[in-house]
N, C-alpha and C. Protein backbone atom coordinates (compact mmCIF):
# COMPACT_ATOMS: atom_id res chain seq x y z
N PHE A 1 112.42 110.61 148.71
CA PHE A 1 112.53 109.54 147.70
C PHE A 1 111.19 108.86 147.46
N LEU A 2 110.46 108.54 148.55
CA LEU A 2 109.17 107.88 148.42
C LEU A 2 108.16 108.78 147.74
N ALA A 3 108.18 110.07 148.12
CA ALA A 3 107.26 111.02 147.51
C ALA A 3 107.54 111.14 146.03
N SER A 4 108.84 111.23 145.71
CA SER A 4 109.24 111.33 144.31
C SER A 4 108.81 110.10 143.54
N ASN A 5 109.03 108.94 144.17
CA ASN A 5 108.64 107.68 143.54
C ASN A 5 107.15 107.62 143.31
N SER A 6 106.37 108.09 144.30
CA SER A 6 104.92 108.08 144.21
C SER A 6 104.43 108.97 143.08
N VAL A 7 105.04 110.17 142.99
CA VAL A 7 104.65 111.10 141.92
C VAL A 7 104.97 110.49 140.57
N TYR A 8 106.17 109.89 140.48
CA TYR A 8 106.59 109.27 139.22
C TYR A 8 105.61 108.18 138.81
N SER A 9 105.15 107.40 139.80
CA SER A 9 104.21 106.33 139.54
C SER A 9 102.89 106.88 139.01
N VAL A 10 102.42 107.98 139.60
CA VAL A 10 101.17 108.60 139.15
C VAL A 10 101.32 109.12 137.73
N VAL A 11 102.45 109.77 137.45
CA VAL A 11 102.70 110.30 136.10
C VAL A 11 102.73 109.16 135.09
N GLU A 12 103.41 108.08 135.45
CA GLU A 12 103.47 106.91 134.57
C GLU A 12 102.07 106.39 134.25
N LYS A 13 101.25 106.31 135.29
CA LYS A 13 99.88 105.81 135.10
C LYS A 13 99.07 106.73 134.20
N LEU A 14 99.26 108.03 134.39
CA LEU A 14 98.53 109.00 133.56
C LEU A 14 98.94 108.89 132.10
N ILE A 15 100.25 108.74 131.88
CA ILE A 15 100.75 108.58 130.50
C ILE A 15 100.20 107.30 129.89
N PHE A 16 100.23 106.22 130.68
CA PHE A 16 99.72 104.94 130.19
C PHE A 16 98.24 105.04 129.82
N LEU A 17 97.46 105.66 130.70
CA LEU A 17 96.02 105.80 130.45
C LEU A 17 95.75 106.67 129.24
N SER A 18 96.54 107.73 129.09
CA SER A 18 96.37 108.61 127.93
C SER A 18 96.63 107.86 126.64
N LEU A 19 97.73 107.08 126.62
CA LEU A 19 98.05 106.30 125.42
C LEU A 19 96.99 105.24 125.17
N TYR A 20 96.54 104.61 126.24
CA TYR A 20 95.52 103.56 126.11
C TYR A 20 94.25 104.10 125.47
N TYR A 21 93.75 105.22 125.99
CA TYR A 21 92.51 105.77 125.46
C TYR A 21 92.71 106.36 124.07
N TYR A 22 93.92 106.84 123.77
CA TYR A 22 94.22 107.33 122.43
C TYR A 22 94.11 106.19 121.42
N ILE A 23 94.72 105.05 121.77
CA ILE A 23 94.68 103.88 120.89
C ILE A 23 93.26 103.37 120.74
N ILE A 24 92.53 103.29 121.86
CA ILE A 24 91.14 102.83 121.82
C ILE A 24 90.29 103.73 120.94
N ASN A 25 90.52 105.04 121.03
CA ASN A 25 89.76 105.99 120.21
C ASN A 25 90.05 105.80 118.73
N ILE A 26 91.32 105.57 118.37
CA ILE A 26 91.67 105.33 116.97
C ILE A 26 90.96 104.09 116.45
N ILE A 27 91.02 103.01 117.24
CA ILE A 27 90.38 101.76 116.83
C ILE A 27 88.87 101.96 116.69
N THR A 28 88.27 102.67 117.66
CA THR A 28 86.83 102.90 117.64
C THR A 28 86.41 103.70 116.41
N VAL A 29 87.19 104.75 116.11
CA VAL A 29 86.87 105.57 114.93
C VAL A 29 86.95 104.74 113.66
N LYS A 30 87.99 103.90 113.55
CA LYS A 30 88.13 103.05 112.37
C LYS A 30 86.93 102.13 112.22
N ILE A 31 86.54 101.48 113.32
CA ILE A 31 85.42 100.55 113.27
C ILE A 31 84.13 101.27 112.91
N LEU A 32 83.87 102.42 113.54
CA LEU A 32 82.66 103.18 113.25
C LEU A 32 82.63 103.65 111.80
N THR A 33 83.80 104.06 111.29
CA THR A 33 83.87 104.50 109.90
C THR A 33 83.52 103.38 108.95
N PHE A 34 84.14 102.21 109.15
CA PHE A 34 83.86 101.08 108.26
C PHE A 34 82.45 100.55 108.44
N ASN A 35 81.92 100.62 109.66
CA ASN A 35 80.54 100.21 109.86
C ASN A 35 79.59 101.11 109.08
N PHE A 36 79.89 102.42 109.06
CA PHE A 36 79.06 103.35 108.29
C PHE A 36 79.13 103.02 106.81
N PHE A 37 80.34 102.80 106.30
CA PHE A 37 80.49 102.55 104.88
C PHE A 37 79.94 101.19 104.47
N SER A 38 79.74 100.29 105.43
CA SER A 38 79.20 98.97 105.08
C SER A 38 77.83 99.10 104.44
N GLN A 39 77.08 100.13 104.83
CA GLN A 39 75.74 100.33 104.27
C GLN A 39 75.77 101.12 102.97
N ASN A 40 76.93 101.67 102.64
CA ASN A 40 77.04 102.50 101.44
C ASN A 40 78.21 102.07 100.56
N TYR A 41 78.64 100.82 100.74
CA TYR A 41 79.87 100.39 100.08
C TYR A 41 79.73 100.28 98.57
N LYS A 42 78.51 100.10 98.10
CA LYS A 42 78.31 100.03 96.65
C LYS A 42 78.59 101.37 95.99
N ASP A 43 78.69 102.43 96.81
CA ASP A 43 79.00 103.75 96.26
C ASP A 43 80.39 103.80 95.66
N VAL A 44 81.26 102.81 95.95
CA VAL A 44 82.59 102.82 95.35
C VAL A 44 82.51 102.68 93.84
N ALA A 45 81.37 102.22 93.33
CA ALA A 45 81.19 102.13 91.88
C ALA A 45 81.29 103.50 91.25
N VAL A 46 80.87 104.52 91.99
CA VAL A 46 80.95 105.90 91.49
C VAL A 46 82.40 106.31 91.30
N LEU A 47 83.30 105.73 92.09
CA LEU A 47 84.73 106.04 92.00
C LEU A 47 85.43 105.23 90.92
N ASP A 48 84.69 104.37 90.22
CA ASP A 48 85.31 103.44 89.26
C ASP A 48 86.43 102.65 89.95
N TYR A 49 86.13 102.14 91.13
CA TYR A 49 87.11 101.41 91.93
C TYR A 49 87.39 100.07 91.28
N ARG A 50 88.57 99.93 90.69
CA ARG A 50 88.89 98.77 89.86
C ARG A 50 89.75 97.73 90.56
N ALA A 51 90.21 98.01 91.76
CA ALA A 51 91.13 97.10 92.43
C ALA A 51 90.62 95.66 92.55
N PRO A 52 89.36 95.42 92.95
CA PRO A 52 88.89 94.03 93.05
C PRO A 52 88.95 93.27 91.72
N SER A 53 88.52 93.90 90.64
CA SER A 53 88.54 93.21 89.34
C SER A 53 89.96 93.03 88.83
N LEU A 54 90.83 94.03 89.04
CA LEU A 54 92.22 93.92 88.61
C LEU A 54 92.94 92.81 89.36
N ALA A 55 92.70 92.72 90.66
CA ALA A 55 93.31 91.67 91.47
C ALA A 55 92.82 90.29 91.02
N ALA A 56 91.53 90.16 90.82
CA ALA A 56 90.96 88.88 90.39
C ALA A 56 91.51 88.46 89.03
N ASN A 57 91.65 89.41 88.12
CA ASN A 57 92.21 89.11 86.80
C ASN A 57 93.65 88.62 86.91
N SER A 58 94.44 89.28 87.76
CA SER A 58 95.84 88.90 87.92
C SER A 58 95.97 87.51 88.54
N ILE A 59 95.17 87.23 89.55
CA ILE A 59 95.20 85.91 90.18
C ILE A 59 94.82 84.84 89.16
N SER A 60 93.79 85.12 88.38
CA SER A 60 93.32 84.17 87.37
C SER A 60 94.41 83.86 86.35
N THR A 61 95.21 84.85 86.01
CA THR A 61 96.28 84.67 85.04
C THR A 61 97.33 83.68 85.53
N HIS A 62 97.63 83.70 86.82
CA HIS A 62 98.74 82.90 87.34
C HIS A 62 98.31 81.59 87.99
N PHE A 63 97.09 81.50 88.47
CA PHE A 63 96.66 80.30 89.19
C PHE A 63 96.24 79.21 88.20
N SER A 64 96.89 78.06 88.28
CA SER A 64 96.62 76.97 87.33
C SER A 64 96.00 75.75 87.98
N GLY A 65 95.70 75.84 89.28
CA GLY A 65 95.13 74.70 89.99
C GLY A 65 93.62 74.61 89.85
N ASP A 66 93.02 73.75 90.67
CA ASP A 66 91.57 73.56 90.70
C ASP A 66 90.94 74.75 91.42
N ARG A 67 90.31 75.63 90.69
CA ARG A 67 89.80 76.87 91.28
C ARG A 67 88.60 76.63 92.19
N GLU A 68 87.78 75.69 91.85
CA GLU A 68 86.60 75.42 92.67
C GLU A 68 87.00 74.87 94.04
N ALA A 69 88.09 74.10 94.07
CA ALA A 69 88.54 73.49 95.32
C ALA A 69 89.50 74.40 96.09
N ALA A 70 90.07 75.39 95.43
CA ALA A 70 91.06 76.27 96.07
C ALA A 70 90.42 77.05 97.21
N VAL A 71 91.16 77.18 98.31
CA VAL A 71 90.68 77.93 99.47
C VAL A 71 91.33 79.31 99.44
N VAL A 72 90.50 80.35 99.41
CA VAL A 72 90.97 81.73 99.29
C VAL A 72 90.74 82.47 100.60
N LEU A 73 91.79 83.11 101.12
CA LEU A 73 91.67 83.97 102.29
C LEU A 73 91.59 85.41 101.82
N ASP A 74 90.45 86.04 102.08
CA ASP A 74 90.21 87.43 101.68
C ASP A 74 90.43 88.32 102.90
N VAL A 75 91.62 88.93 102.98
CA VAL A 75 92.00 89.74 104.13
C VAL A 75 91.44 91.15 103.97
N ALA A 76 90.77 91.64 105.01
CA ALA A 76 90.04 92.92 104.93
C ALA A 76 89.00 92.82 103.81
N CYS A 77 88.16 91.80 103.94
CA CYS A 77 87.23 91.44 102.86
C CYS A 77 86.12 92.46 102.65
N GLY A 78 85.87 93.32 103.65
CA GLY A 78 84.79 94.30 103.48
C GLY A 78 83.47 93.61 103.25
N THR A 79 82.75 94.06 102.25
CA THR A 79 81.43 93.49 101.95
C THR A 79 81.48 92.35 100.93
N GLY A 80 82.69 92.05 100.43
CA GLY A 80 82.82 90.91 99.53
C GLY A 80 83.07 91.24 98.07
N LEU A 81 83.58 92.43 97.78
CA LEU A 81 83.79 92.83 96.39
C LEU A 81 84.81 91.94 95.67
N VAL A 82 85.87 91.54 96.37
CA VAL A 82 86.89 90.70 95.75
C VAL A 82 86.35 89.30 95.48
N ALA A 83 85.64 88.74 96.45
CA ALA A 83 85.06 87.41 96.26
C ALA A 83 84.10 87.39 95.08
N GLN A 84 83.33 88.45 94.91
CA GLN A 84 82.42 88.54 93.76
C GLN A 84 83.18 88.43 92.45
N GLN A 85 84.30 89.15 92.37
CA GLN A 85 85.10 89.13 91.14
C GLN A 85 85.79 87.78 90.93
N MET A 86 86.32 87.19 92.01
CA MET A 86 87.01 85.91 91.88
C MET A 86 86.04 84.79 91.55
N LYS A 87 84.81 84.90 92.03
CA LYS A 87 83.78 83.91 91.70
C LYS A 87 83.57 83.84 90.19
N ARG A 88 83.67 84.96 89.52
CA ARG A 88 83.51 85.01 88.07
C ARG A 88 84.63 84.26 87.34
N HIS A 89 85.75 84.09 88.03
CA HIS A 89 86.88 83.36 87.45
C HIS A 89 86.91 81.90 87.89
N GLY A 90 85.85 81.45 88.56
CA GLY A 90 85.74 80.04 88.90
C GLY A 90 86.14 79.66 90.31
N PHE A 91 86.59 80.61 91.12
CA PHE A 91 86.93 80.29 92.51
C PHE A 91 85.65 80.18 93.33
N GLY A 92 85.64 79.24 94.28
CA GLY A 92 84.37 79.00 94.97
C GLY A 92 84.43 78.84 96.47
N HIS A 93 85.63 78.89 97.07
CA HIS A 93 85.74 78.66 98.52
C HIS A 93 86.46 79.84 99.15
N PHE A 94 85.73 80.64 99.93
CA PHE A 94 86.28 81.88 100.49
C PHE A 94 86.16 81.93 102.01
N VAL A 95 87.24 82.40 102.64
CA VAL A 95 87.25 82.74 104.06
C VAL A 95 87.58 84.22 104.14
N GLY A 96 86.77 84.99 104.87
CA GLY A 96 86.97 86.42 104.94
C GLY A 96 87.32 86.90 106.34
N ILE A 97 88.18 87.91 106.40
CA ILE A 97 88.55 88.55 107.67
C ILE A 97 88.35 90.05 107.53
N ASP A 98 87.73 90.67 108.53
CA ASP A 98 87.57 92.12 108.51
C ASP A 98 87.38 92.62 109.94
N GLY A 99 87.70 93.89 110.18
CA GLY A 99 87.53 94.47 111.50
C GLY A 99 86.14 94.99 111.77
N SER A 100 85.34 95.15 110.73
CA SER A 100 84.00 95.71 110.88
C SER A 100 82.94 94.61 110.87
N GLN A 101 82.23 94.48 111.98
CA GLN A 101 81.17 93.48 112.05
C GLN A 101 80.05 93.79 111.06
N ALA A 102 79.77 95.07 110.86
CA ALA A 102 78.71 95.46 109.92
C ALA A 102 79.06 95.05 108.50
N MET A 103 80.33 95.22 108.12
CA MET A 103 80.74 94.79 106.78
C MET A 103 80.68 93.28 106.65
N LEU A 104 81.07 92.59 107.70
CA LEU A 104 81.00 91.13 107.67
C LEU A 104 79.57 90.63 107.51
N GLU A 105 78.62 91.35 108.10
CA GLU A 105 77.21 90.96 107.94
C GLU A 105 76.78 91.08 106.48
N VAL A 106 77.22 92.15 105.82
CA VAL A 106 76.90 92.31 104.39
C VAL A 106 77.56 91.20 103.59
N ALA A 107 78.82 90.89 103.92
CA ALA A 107 79.53 89.82 103.23
C ALA A 107 78.83 88.48 103.44
N ARG A 108 78.34 88.25 104.66
CA ARG A 108 77.64 87.00 104.96
C ARG A 108 76.37 86.87 104.12
N GLU A 109 75.67 87.97 103.94
CA GLU A 109 74.44 87.96 103.15
C GLU A 109 74.69 87.65 101.68
N SER A 110 75.92 87.87 101.22
CA SER A 110 76.24 87.58 99.82
C SER A 110 76.24 86.09 99.54
N GLY A 111 76.45 85.27 100.59
CA GLY A 111 76.47 83.83 100.42
C GLY A 111 77.75 83.29 99.78
N LEU A 112 78.76 84.14 99.64
CA LEU A 112 80.00 83.73 98.96
C LEU A 112 81.01 83.08 99.91
N TYR A 113 80.89 83.38 101.20
CA TYR A 113 81.93 82.96 102.15
C TYR A 113 81.50 81.74 102.96
N GLN A 114 82.43 80.79 103.08
CA GLN A 114 82.19 79.62 103.92
C GLN A 114 82.49 79.94 105.39
N ASP A 115 83.32 80.96 105.62
CA ASP A 115 83.65 81.35 106.99
C ASP A 115 84.03 82.82 107.00
N LEU A 116 83.62 83.53 108.06
CA LEU A 116 83.96 84.95 108.22
C LEU A 116 84.42 85.18 109.65
N LYS A 117 85.50 85.93 109.81
CA LYS A 117 86.07 86.18 111.12
C LYS A 117 86.28 87.68 111.32
N GLN A 118 85.94 88.17 112.52
CA GLN A 118 86.20 89.57 112.83
C GLN A 118 87.56 89.68 113.49
N CYS A 119 88.40 90.57 112.96
CA CYS A 119 89.75 90.75 113.47
C CYS A 119 90.30 92.09 113.01
N MET A 120 90.87 92.86 113.94
CA MET A 120 91.55 94.10 113.58
C MET A 120 92.96 93.74 113.12
N LEU A 121 93.26 94.00 111.86
CA LEU A 121 94.54 93.61 111.30
C LEU A 121 95.68 94.35 112.00
N GLY A 122 96.75 93.60 112.25
CA GLY A 122 97.91 94.19 112.90
C GLY A 122 97.86 94.12 114.41
N GLU A 123 96.81 93.52 114.96
CA GLU A 123 96.67 93.41 116.41
C GLU A 123 96.60 91.94 116.81
N GLY A 124 97.72 91.41 117.21
CA GLY A 124 97.75 90.01 117.61
C GLY A 124 97.91 89.07 116.43
N GLN A 125 97.88 87.79 116.74
CA GLN A 125 98.07 86.77 115.72
C GLN A 125 96.84 86.66 114.81
N PRO A 126 97.04 86.41 113.52
CA PRO A 126 95.91 86.20 112.61
C PRO A 126 95.06 85.01 113.08
N PRO A 127 93.74 85.10 112.98
CA PRO A 127 92.86 84.03 113.46
C PRO A 127 92.66 82.91 112.44
N VAL A 128 93.75 82.54 111.78
CA VAL A 128 93.67 81.49 110.76
C VAL A 128 94.85 80.55 110.90
N GLN A 129 94.70 79.37 110.33
CA GLN A 129 95.74 78.35 110.40
C GLN A 129 96.84 78.64 109.39
N TRP A 130 98.07 78.39 109.78
CA TRP A 130 99.19 78.58 108.87
C TRP A 130 99.19 77.48 107.81
N GLY A 131 99.64 77.83 106.61
CA GLY A 131 99.81 76.86 105.53
C GLY A 131 98.53 76.26 105.01
N LEU A 132 97.42 76.96 105.15
CA LEU A 132 96.11 76.40 104.79
C LEU A 132 95.60 76.87 103.43
N PHE A 133 95.95 78.08 103.01
CA PHE A 133 95.26 78.72 101.89
C PHE A 133 96.04 78.66 100.57
N ASP A 134 95.30 78.43 99.50
CA ASP A 134 95.88 78.41 98.16
C ASP A 134 96.13 79.82 97.64
N VAL A 135 95.27 80.75 98.05
CA VAL A 135 95.39 82.15 97.63
C VAL A 135 95.07 83.04 98.82
N VAL A 136 95.88 84.07 99.03
CA VAL A 136 95.60 85.09 100.04
C VAL A 136 95.56 86.44 99.33
N VAL A 137 94.52 87.22 99.56
CA VAL A 137 94.38 88.51 98.88
C VAL A 137 94.25 89.65 99.88
N PHE A 138 94.96 90.73 99.58
CA PHE A 138 94.84 92.01 100.31
C PHE A 138 94.42 93.06 99.29
N VAL A 139 93.19 93.41 99.25
CA VAL A 139 92.73 94.42 98.29
C VAL A 139 92.05 95.55 99.06
N GLY A 140 92.60 96.77 98.93
CA GLY A 140 91.98 97.93 99.56
C GLY A 140 92.44 98.23 100.97
N ALA A 141 93.26 97.36 101.56
CA ALA A 141 93.66 97.55 102.95
C ALA A 141 95.06 98.10 103.11
N LEU A 142 95.92 97.85 102.13
CA LEU A 142 97.32 98.23 102.25
C LEU A 142 97.53 99.66 101.78
N SER A 143 97.24 100.59 102.66
CA SER A 143 97.47 102.00 102.37
C SER A 143 97.59 102.76 103.67
N VAL A 144 98.07 103.98 103.59
CA VAL A 144 98.35 104.78 104.78
C VAL A 144 97.09 104.96 105.63
N GLY A 145 97.26 104.79 106.95
CA GLY A 145 96.15 104.97 107.87
C GLY A 145 95.24 103.77 108.02
N GLN A 146 95.57 102.65 107.34
CA GLN A 146 94.69 101.48 107.43
C GLN A 146 95.37 100.34 108.19
N VAL A 147 96.25 99.60 107.56
CA VAL A 147 96.91 98.51 108.28
C VAL A 147 98.42 98.64 108.13
N PRO A 148 99.19 98.20 109.14
CA PRO A 148 100.65 98.28 109.04
C PRO A 148 101.20 97.32 108.00
N VAL A 149 102.33 97.69 107.43
CA VAL A 149 102.95 96.89 106.38
C VAL A 149 103.26 95.47 106.84
N ASP A 150 103.63 95.30 108.11
CA ASP A 150 104.09 93.99 108.56
C ASP A 150 102.99 92.93 108.63
N VAL A 151 101.73 93.31 108.41
CA VAL A 151 100.68 92.28 108.39
C VAL A 151 100.87 91.33 107.22
N VAL A 152 101.52 91.81 106.17
CA VAL A 152 101.76 90.97 104.99
C VAL A 152 102.60 89.76 105.37
N ARG A 153 103.63 89.99 106.17
CA ARG A 153 104.50 88.90 106.60
C ARG A 153 103.73 87.88 107.44
N GLU A 154 102.86 88.36 108.31
CA GLU A 154 102.09 87.46 109.16
C GLU A 154 101.15 86.59 108.33
N TYR A 155 100.46 87.21 107.39
CA TYR A 155 99.48 86.45 106.62
C TYR A 155 100.11 85.61 105.51
N CYS A 156 101.36 85.90 105.17
CA CYS A 156 102.09 85.04 104.24
C CYS A 156 102.21 83.63 104.82
N LYS A 157 102.32 83.56 106.14
CA LYS A 157 102.45 82.27 106.82
C LYS A 157 101.21 81.39 106.63
N SER A 158 100.09 82.01 106.36
CA SER A 158 98.85 81.24 106.20
C SER A 158 98.72 80.64 104.80
N THR A 159 99.63 81.00 103.90
CA THR A 159 99.58 80.51 102.52
C THR A 159 100.31 79.18 102.38
N LYS A 160 99.77 78.28 101.59
CA LYS A 160 100.45 77.01 101.31
C LYS A 160 101.72 77.26 100.50
N PRO A 161 102.74 76.41 100.64
CA PRO A 161 103.87 76.48 99.70
C PRO A 161 103.35 76.29 98.28
N GLY A 162 103.75 77.18 97.38
CA GLY A 162 103.24 77.14 96.02
C GLY A 162 101.98 77.96 95.83
N GLY A 163 101.43 78.47 96.94
CA GLY A 163 100.24 79.31 96.85
C GLY A 163 100.59 80.75 96.48
N TYR A 164 99.55 81.55 96.25
CA TYR A 164 99.75 82.92 95.77
C TYR A 164 99.23 83.95 96.77
N ILE A 165 99.96 85.05 96.85
CA ILE A 165 99.54 86.19 97.66
C ILE A 165 99.39 87.39 96.72
N CYS A 166 98.20 87.96 96.70
CA CYS A 166 97.92 89.12 95.84
C CYS A 166 97.68 90.34 96.73
N MET A 167 98.34 91.44 96.38
CA MET A 167 98.22 92.68 97.16
C MET A 167 98.02 93.86 96.22
N THR A 168 97.28 94.85 96.69
CA THR A 168 97.11 96.08 95.92
C THR A 168 97.37 97.28 96.82
N THR A 169 97.77 98.38 96.20
CA THR A 169 97.90 99.63 96.94
C THR A 169 97.76 100.79 95.96
N ARG A 170 97.53 101.97 96.51
CA ARG A 170 97.40 103.17 95.69
C ARG A 170 98.77 103.80 95.47
N SER A 171 98.91 104.54 94.36
CA SER A 171 100.17 105.20 94.04
C SER A 171 100.04 106.72 94.02
N ASN A 172 98.97 107.23 94.62
CA ASN A 172 98.81 108.69 94.66
C ASN A 172 99.75 109.30 95.70
N HIS A 173 99.87 110.61 95.68
CA HIS A 173 100.88 111.31 96.48
C HIS A 173 100.78 110.99 97.97
N ASP A 174 99.58 110.96 98.52
CA ASP A 174 99.39 110.73 99.95
C ASP A 174 99.84 109.35 100.40
N ASN A 175 99.94 108.42 99.45
CA ASN A 175 100.25 107.03 99.80
C ASN A 175 101.66 106.61 99.40
N LEU A 176 102.45 107.52 98.84
CA LEU A 176 103.75 107.14 98.29
C LEU A 176 104.71 106.62 99.36
N GLN A 177 104.72 107.24 100.52
CA GLN A 177 105.62 106.78 101.58
C GLN A 177 105.24 105.38 102.06
N TYR A 178 103.94 105.15 102.22
CA TYR A 178 103.48 103.81 102.62
C TYR A 178 103.83 102.80 101.53
N LYS A 179 103.60 103.15 100.28
CA LYS A 179 103.89 102.25 99.16
C LYS A 179 105.37 101.88 99.12
N ALA A 180 106.24 102.86 99.38
CA ALA A 180 107.67 102.58 99.41
C ALA A 180 108.02 101.62 100.54
N SER A 181 107.41 101.81 101.70
CA SER A 181 107.64 100.90 102.84
C SER A 181 107.14 99.50 102.52
N LEU A 182 105.99 99.42 101.88
CA LEU A 182 105.44 98.12 101.49
C LEU A 182 106.38 97.41 100.52
N GLU A 183 106.86 98.11 99.53
CA GLU A 183 107.72 97.49 98.53
C GLU A 183 109.05 97.06 99.13
N ARG A 184 109.55 97.80 100.11
CA ARG A 184 110.77 97.37 100.82
C ARG A 184 110.53 96.06 101.56
N GLU A 185 109.36 95.94 102.18
CA GLU A 185 109.03 94.71 102.91
C GLU A 185 108.87 93.54 101.94
N LEU A 186 108.23 93.77 100.81
CA LEU A 186 108.05 92.71 99.82
C LEU A 186 109.40 92.22 99.30
N LYS A 187 110.29 93.17 99.03
CA LYS A 187 111.63 92.81 98.54
C LYS A 187 112.42 92.08 99.61
N GLN A 188 112.32 92.54 100.86
CA GLN A 188 113.03 91.89 101.95
C GLN A 188 112.57 90.44 102.11
N MET A 189 111.28 90.21 102.00
CA MET A 189 110.75 88.85 102.12
C MET A 189 111.21 87.98 100.96
N GLU A 190 111.37 88.59 99.79
CA GLU A 190 111.88 87.83 98.64
C GLU A 190 113.35 87.47 98.86
N GLU A 191 114.12 88.40 99.41
CA GLU A 191 115.53 88.13 99.71
C GLU A 191 115.67 87.05 100.77
N GLU A 192 114.68 86.95 101.66
CA GLU A 192 114.68 85.90 102.68
C GLU A 192 114.17 84.56 102.12
N GLU A 193 113.85 84.57 100.83
CA GLU A 193 113.37 83.37 100.12
C GLU A 193 112.08 82.83 100.70
N LEU A 194 111.22 83.75 101.14
CA LEU A 194 109.89 83.36 101.60
C LEU A 194 108.94 83.23 100.42
N TRP A 195 109.20 83.98 99.38
CA TRP A 195 108.36 83.95 98.18
C TRP A 195 109.11 84.52 97.00
N THR A 196 108.49 84.46 95.82
CA THR A 196 109.08 85.05 94.62
C THR A 196 108.02 85.86 93.89
N CYS A 197 108.43 86.97 93.33
CA CYS A 197 107.49 87.86 92.64
C CYS A 197 107.16 87.31 91.26
N VAL A 198 105.89 87.20 90.95
CA VAL A 198 105.48 86.76 89.61
C VAL A 198 104.79 87.88 88.84
N GLU A 199 104.39 88.94 89.53
CA GLU A 199 103.80 90.09 88.84
C GLU A 199 103.89 91.34 89.72
N SER A 200 104.26 92.45 89.09
CA SER A 200 104.21 93.76 89.74
C SER A 200 103.75 94.74 88.67
N SER A 201 102.48 95.13 88.73
CA SER A 201 101.87 95.93 87.68
C SER A 201 101.46 97.30 88.20
N GLN A 202 101.81 98.33 87.46
CA GLN A 202 101.37 99.69 87.76
C GLN A 202 100.17 100.02 86.88
N VAL A 203 99.11 100.52 87.48
CA VAL A 203 97.86 100.80 86.76
C VAL A 203 97.57 102.30 86.87
N GLU A 204 97.44 102.95 85.73
CA GLU A 204 97.22 104.40 85.73
C GLU A 204 95.82 104.78 86.22
N ASP A 205 94.81 104.16 85.64
CA ASP A 205 93.42 104.51 86.00
C ASP A 205 92.91 103.56 87.08
N TRP A 206 93.35 103.80 88.29
CA TRP A 206 93.02 102.92 89.42
C TRP A 206 91.63 103.22 89.96
N GLU A 207 91.40 104.47 90.27
CA GLU A 207 90.09 104.93 90.73
C GLU A 207 90.05 106.45 90.60
N ARG A 208 88.86 106.99 90.66
CA ARG A 208 88.73 108.44 90.54
C ARG A 208 89.30 109.14 91.77
N ALA A 209 89.98 110.26 91.54
CA ALA A 209 90.53 111.05 92.64
C ALA A 209 89.39 111.72 93.41
N VAL A 210 89.57 111.84 94.72
CA VAL A 210 88.53 112.46 95.54
C VAL A 210 89.04 113.68 96.31
N SER A 211 90.36 113.90 96.32
CA SER A 211 90.89 115.05 97.05
C SER A 211 90.99 116.27 96.13
N GLU A 212 91.06 117.44 96.74
CA GLU A 212 91.16 118.68 95.97
C GLU A 212 92.50 118.80 95.28
N GLN A 213 93.52 118.09 95.77
CA GLN A 213 94.86 118.18 95.20
C GLN A 213 95.04 117.29 93.98
N GLU A 214 94.09 116.39 93.75
CA GLU A 214 94.22 115.43 92.65
C GLU A 214 93.00 115.50 91.74
N HIS A 215 93.23 115.22 90.47
CA HIS A 215 92.15 115.32 89.50
C HIS A 215 92.14 114.07 88.61
N GLY A 216 91.00 113.80 88.02
CA GLY A 216 90.90 112.64 87.13
C GLY A 216 91.01 111.35 87.90
N TYR A 217 91.95 110.50 87.49
CA TYR A 217 92.16 109.21 88.13
C TYR A 217 93.49 109.18 88.86
N ILE A 218 93.54 108.44 89.96
CA ILE A 218 94.82 108.17 90.61
C ILE A 218 95.30 106.80 90.15
N SER A 219 96.60 106.55 90.32
CA SER A 219 97.17 105.28 89.89
C SER A 219 97.28 104.31 91.07
N GLY A 220 97.58 103.07 90.76
CA GLY A 220 97.71 102.05 91.79
C GLY A 220 98.61 100.93 91.32
N ALA A 221 98.74 99.90 92.15
CA ALA A 221 99.63 98.79 91.82
C ALA A 221 99.05 97.46 92.29
N VAL A 222 99.36 96.42 91.51
CA VAL A 222 98.99 95.05 91.87
C VAL A 222 100.27 94.22 91.97
N TYR A 223 100.40 93.48 93.05
CA TYR A 223 101.56 92.60 93.24
C TYR A 223 101.07 91.17 93.44
N ILE A 224 101.74 90.24 92.76
CA ILE A 224 101.45 88.81 92.97
C ILE A 224 102.75 88.11 93.32
N TYR A 225 102.73 87.40 94.45
CA TYR A 225 103.90 86.63 94.87
C TYR A 225 103.51 85.17 95.04
N LYS A 226 104.47 84.29 94.76
CA LYS A 226 104.26 82.85 94.94
C LYS A 226 105.11 82.39 96.12
N LYS A 227 104.47 81.76 97.08
CA LYS A 227 105.18 81.32 98.28
C LYS A 227 106.08 80.14 97.97
N LEU A 228 107.29 80.18 98.51
CA LEU A 228 108.26 79.10 98.28
C LEU A 228 108.16 78.03 99.36
């Protein structure tokens, strides 16, 4: 019995260590990938990446408060593409969160953000105060292989009552299952009366396709919810 128990304990430890290093490797690869792209992020212009401008336009359409005083939480802010677009619409106070320190450094150099925090989305509690932000934006992060759908629920808590949450996702074939899961979560949160949908827009020319299976442009979606 003791020998069996000892062997079982060793096997358990090996499984635990294997899972631990597997997770660490995934996180490391993600960080290294985004750190690399931080130096080449302007290359998204070649893809006609429209999500930041589309999100900013949608927020501008619905937000009727004082834009200069409004506090915006830019989740997965990257190098600051969304803040650049929202600045054009009169917003002036930004807090950014991203998992890549290199991207945050580029965002800091832009001078657009009053505060920047490094955080891997979906791991632990968000490093922000609940009920603080007038606008929360998720642009470019909500897709397969990036962040789990349930981060939306966590960051909804950081929005003021009456504030807006803007989210985008891709509608191409590889992302359809994730998009369906996301929309189920958004609907569930609406049924729980956490927020109400004020816009759900499908966009055909979202960005240029990059895979061999797709040609021309892929489609995407913009969602705007108002917190109750």
